[in-house]
Amino acid sequence: MSLMIDAIREDGQPKEEGWPYLDAIPSPVAAWMPPKDCGTVFRHAFVNRTTDVSNVFAALDAGQPALLAARISEQFYLPASDFLIKTMPNDRDVANHALVAVGHGTNDGYPVVLVRNSWGDAWADRGHAWVTKDYLAKRLLGLAVPFN
């Protein structure tokens, strides 16, 4: 989490249209360079919070995004057609991953979090999917919110 916090504070993040996601990893990757002018870069200080999903909801209710570090499972790679990622039997955890929580609501009465993934618009619903509270609670490794 400290590396993500440092990167957003020091290097910042441009708008996606200024530095779009790559469709494929360049070859050779060592020759790849970022765009010379990606437009405005947004920087902000973030602080760690305890990894309780209620802190994700609190940040979103305050109008702030939440940076998440989480274990992701096999289904995360190809979410169902309803773009809902939920706890399922035999769904193995396979990797750690960083996400941004950008909204929340309910699905059939159960709390869900809308996450933005870094894998581009081809993943889930234009880069977004709904994650159930119980799925996230079991896998949340780190949480950071903007420092005001």
Protein backbone atom coordinates (compact mmCIF):
# COMPACT_ATOMS: atom_id res chain seq x y z
CA MET A 1 0.00 0.00 0.00
CA SER A 2 2.81 2.41 0.78
CA LEU A 3 4.13 2.09 -2.79
CA MET A 4 0.68 2.85 -4.26
CA ILE A 5 0.28 5.82 -1.92
CA ASP A 6 3.73 7.14 -2.87
CA ALA A 7 3.06 6.68 -6.60
CA ILE A 8 -0.20 8.64 -6.53
CA ARG A 9 1.28 11.41 -4.38
CA GLU A 10 4.55 11.75 -6.33
CA ASP A 11 3.96 10.50 -9.90
CA GLY A 12 0.20 10.98 -10.11
CA GLN A 13 -2.31 9.55 -12.55
CA PRO A 14 -3.34 11.06 -15.90
CA LYS A 15 -6.79 10.78 -17.43
CA GLU A 16 -7.16 7.50 -19.28
CA GLU A 17 -7.55 9.16 -22.70
CA GLY A 18 -4.13 10.82 -22.20
CA TRP A 19 -2.44 7.52 -21.48
CA PRO A 20 -4.75 4.74 -22.70
CA TYR A 21 -4.44 1.13 -21.66
CA LEU A 22 -2.31 -0.99 -23.93
CA ASP A 23 -4.07 -3.75 -25.86
CA ALA A 24 -0.93 -5.88 -25.64
CA ILE A 25 2.42 -5.80 -23.90
CA PRO A 26 4.92 -4.11 -26.24
CA SER A 27 7.74 -6.19 -27.61
CA PRO A 28 10.43 -5.62 -26.63
CA VAL A 29 9.01 -4.16 -23.43
CA ALA A 30 12.34 -2.50 -22.59
CA ALA A 31 11.93 -0.25 -25.66
CA TRP A 32 8.47 0.99 -24.60
CA MET A 33 8.17 4.58 -23.40
CA PRO A 34 5.19 6.40 -21.88
CA PRO A 35 3.52 9.14 -23.94
CA LYS A 36 5.49 12.41 -24.00
CA ASP A 37 2.42 14.49 -23.19
CA CYS A 38 -0.38 12.64 -21.45
CA GLY A 39 -2.21 15.80 -20.37
CA THR A 40 -2.98 16.83 -16.81
CA VAL A 41 -1.60 14.50 -14.16
CA PHE A 42 -3.55 14.29 -10.90
CA ARG A 43 -1.67 13.85 -7.64
CA HIS A 44 -3.09 13.40 -4.16
CA ALA A 45 -2.00 12.29 -0.71
CA PHE A 46 -3.58 9.09 0.60
CA VAL A 47 -3.53 7.46 4.04
CA ASN A 48 -3.86 3.84 5.11
CA ARG A 49 -7.04 2.62 6.77
CA THR A 50 -7.72 -0.69 8.47
CA THR A 51 -8.86 -3.43 6.12
CA ASP A 52 -12.48 -3.42 7.19
CA VAL A 53 -14.95 -3.21 4.32
CA SER A 54 -16.97 -0.68 6.32
CA ASN A 55 -14.07 1.76 5.75
CA VAL A 56 -14.51 1.29 1.99
CA PHE A 57 -18.20 2.19 2.29
CA ALA A 58 -17.38 5.17 4.55
CA ALA A 59 -14.90 6.59 2.02
CA LEU A 60 -17.37 6.17 -0.84
CA ASP A 61 -20.15 7.78 1.22
CA ALA A 62 -17.81 10.74 1.77
CA GLY A 63 -17.40 11.05 -2.02
CA GLN A 64 -13.88 9.63 -2.03
CA PRO A 65 -12.45 6.70 -3.97
CA ALA A 66 -10.73 3.92 -2.04
CA LEU A 67 -7.53 2.22 -3.17
CA LEU A 68 -7.72 -1.51 -2.54
CA ALA A 69 -5.14 -4.25 -2.44
CA ALA A 70 -6.89 -7.62 -2.54
CA ARG A 71 -6.48 -11.30 -3.32
CA ILE A 72 -8.33 -12.05 -6.50
CA SER A 73 -9.76 -15.40 -7.51
CA GLU A 74 -10.00 -17.21 -10.83
CA GLN A 75 -13.46 -15.77 -11.61
CA PHE A 76 -12.06 -12.25 -11.34
CA TYR A 77 -10.31 -12.70 -14.68
CA LEU A 78 -13.60 -13.38 -16.52
CA PRO A 79 -16.54 -12.01 -14.51
CA ALA A 80 -20.02 -13.39 -15.19
CA SER A 81 -22.24 -11.63 -17.73
CA ASP A 82 -23.87 -9.58 -14.93
CA PHE A 83 -20.37 -8.29 -13.96
CA LEU A 84 -20.91 -9.49 -10.38
CA ILE A 85 -17.98 -11.12 -8.60
CA LYS A 86 -19.11 -13.08 -5.57
CA THR A 87 -17.99 -15.79 -3.21
CA MET A 88 -18.32 -19.13 -4.98
CA PRO A 89 -17.34 -22.67 -4.02
CA ASN A 90 -14.01 -23.89 -5.43
CA ASP A 91 -13.05 -20.40 -6.66
CA ARG A 92 -9.33 -20.40 -5.95
CA ASP A 93 -7.44 -17.25 -4.98
CA VAL A 94 -4.65 -16.76 -7.49
CA ALA A 95 -3.01 -13.34 -7.14
CA ASN A 96 -2.77 -10.04 -5.32
CA HIS A 97 -4.15 -7.07 -7.22
CA ALA A 98 -4.75 -3.32 -6.87
CA LEU A 99 -8.18 -1.81 -7.58
CA VAL A 100 -10.08 1.41 -7.01
CA ALA A 101 -13.50 1.31 -5.33
CA VAL A 102 -15.64 3.97 -7.00
CA GLY A 103 -19.19 3.26 -5.81
CA HIS A 104 -21.44 0.94 -3.85
CA GLY A 105 -25.03 -0.27 -3.73
CA THR A 106 -26.96 -3.49 -3.31
CA ASN A 107 -27.69 -6.52 -5.45
CA ASP A 108 -30.66 -8.62 -4.37
CA GLY A 109 -30.38 -6.92 -0.97
CA TYR A 110 -26.68 -7.72 -0.51
CA PRO A 111 -24.07 -4.94 -0.32
CA VAL A 112 -21.77 -4.62 -3.35
CA VAL A 113 -18.81 -2.41 -4.25
CA LEU A 114 -18.18 -1.08 -7.76
CA VAL A 115 -14.49 -1.45 -8.59
CA ARG A 116 -12.44 -0.01 -11.42
CA ASN A 117 -9.78 -2.37 -12.65
CA SER A 118 -6.55 -1.44 -14.43
CA TRP A 119 -6.96 -3.97 -17.23
CA GLY A 120 -8.72 -1.60 -19.61
CA ASP A 121 -12.19 -1.28 -21.08
CA ALA A 122 -12.33 -4.86 -22.35
CA TRP A 123 -12.53 -6.23 -18.78
CA ALA A 124 -16.06 -6.66 -17.38
CA ASP A 125 -18.26 -3.60 -18.00
CA ARG A 126 -15.84 -1.09 -19.56
CA GLY A 127 -13.27 -1.78 -16.83
CA HIS A 128 -15.76 -1.96 -13.94
CA ALA A 129 -17.38 -4.81 -12.00
CA TRP A 130 -19.48 -5.26 -8.88
CA VAL A 131 -17.87 -7.16 -6.01
CA THR A 132 -19.96 -8.49 -3.13
CA LYS A 133 -19.10 -7.33 0.36
CA ASP A 134 -18.40 -10.87 1.55
CA TYR A 135 -16.05 -11.58 -1.40
CA LEU A 136 -14.09 -8.41 -0.66
CA ALA A 137 -14.10 -8.85 3.14
CA LYS A 138 -12.35 -12.22 2.82
CA ARG A 139 -9.71 -10.86 0.45
CA LEU A 140 -9.00 -7.23 1.39
CA LEU A 141 -5.26 -6.89 2.10
CA GLY A 142 -4.88 -3.10 2.16
CA LEU A 143 -6.95 0.06 1.97
CA ALA A 144 -6.04 3.71 1.44
CA VAL A 145 -8.24 6.79 1.15
CA PRO A 146 -7.52 10.39 0.16
CA PHE A 147 -5.98 12.57 2.86
CA ASN A 148 -7.71 15.94 3.09
